[in-house]
Amino acid sequence: MRPLKTKVSITIDEDVIEKIRRLAEDDDRSVSQFINIILKDYIRNQEDLDPV
């Protein structure tokens, strides 16, 4: 079963979204999939840095 997804709308600087589009295409992923990966990695890294 696929995890539930929530649709959101955000505003991203043009230079950032263009870079994300290129990186997503290079990785053969949709922009949405690629942003999700980036966010998950960021959150995981933040959790690793937080003292318990």
Protein backbone atom coordinates (compact mmCIF):
# COMPACT_ATOMS: atom_id res chain seq x y z
CA MET A 1 0.00 0.00 0.00
CA ARG A 2 1.34 3.42 -0.96
CA PRO A 3 1.83 6.02 1.75
CA LEU A 4 -0.76 8.78 1.82
CA LYS A 5 0.25 12.00 0.13
CA THR A 6 -0.94 15.55 0.74
CA LYS A 7 -1.09 18.07 -2.05
CA VAL A 8 0.50 21.43 -1.17
CA SER A 9 1.19 24.65 -2.98
CA ILE A 10 4.45 26.52 -2.33
CA THR A 11 6.37 29.38 -3.89
CA ILE A 12 9.98 28.64 -4.88
CA ASP A 13 12.57 31.02 -6.31
CA GLU A 14 12.92 30.62 -10.07
CA ASP A 15 16.62 29.74 -9.94
CA VAL A 16 15.98 27.05 -7.33
CA ILE A 17 13.11 25.39 -9.20
CA GLU A 18 15.08 25.39 -12.45
CA LYS A 19 17.97 23.61 -10.74
CA ILE A 20 15.56 21.12 -9.13
CA ARG A 21 13.93 20.46 -12.52
CA ARG A 22 17.32 19.70 -14.07
CA LEU A 23 18.40 17.47 -11.19
CA ALA A 24 15.06 15.62 -11.20
CA GLU A 25 15.33 15.05 -14.95
CA ASP A 26 18.91 13.81 -14.60
CA ASP A 27 17.69 11.40 -11.91
CA ASP A 28 14.71 10.32 -14.09
CA ARG A 29 12.19 11.47 -11.47
CA SER A 30 9.33 13.92 -11.34
CA VAL A 31 9.96 17.26 -9.66
CA SER A 32 7.55 16.23 -6.91
CA GLN A 33 9.38 12.95 -6.27
CA PHE A 34 12.73 14.72 -6.25
CA ILE A 35 11.60 17.42 -3.80
CA ASN A 36 10.17 14.71 -1.55
CA ILE A 37 13.56 12.94 -1.52
CA ILE A 38 15.38 16.20 -0.76
CA LEU A 39 13.03 16.98 2.13
CA LYS A 40 13.26 13.48 3.60
CA ASP A 41 17.08 13.61 3.47
CA TYR A 42 17.08 17.04 5.12
CA ILE A 43 14.75 15.88 7.91
CA ARG A 44 16.79 12.72 8.47
CA ASN A 45 19.99 14.77 8.72
CA GLN A 46 18.38 17.21 11.16
CA GLU A 47 17.20 14.35 13.34
CA ASP A 48 20.75 12.92 13.34
CA LEU A 49 22.08 16.27 14.56
CA ASP A 50 19.50 16.72 17.34
CA PRO A 51 20.68 15.45 20.72
CA VAL A 52 18.30 12.99 22.29
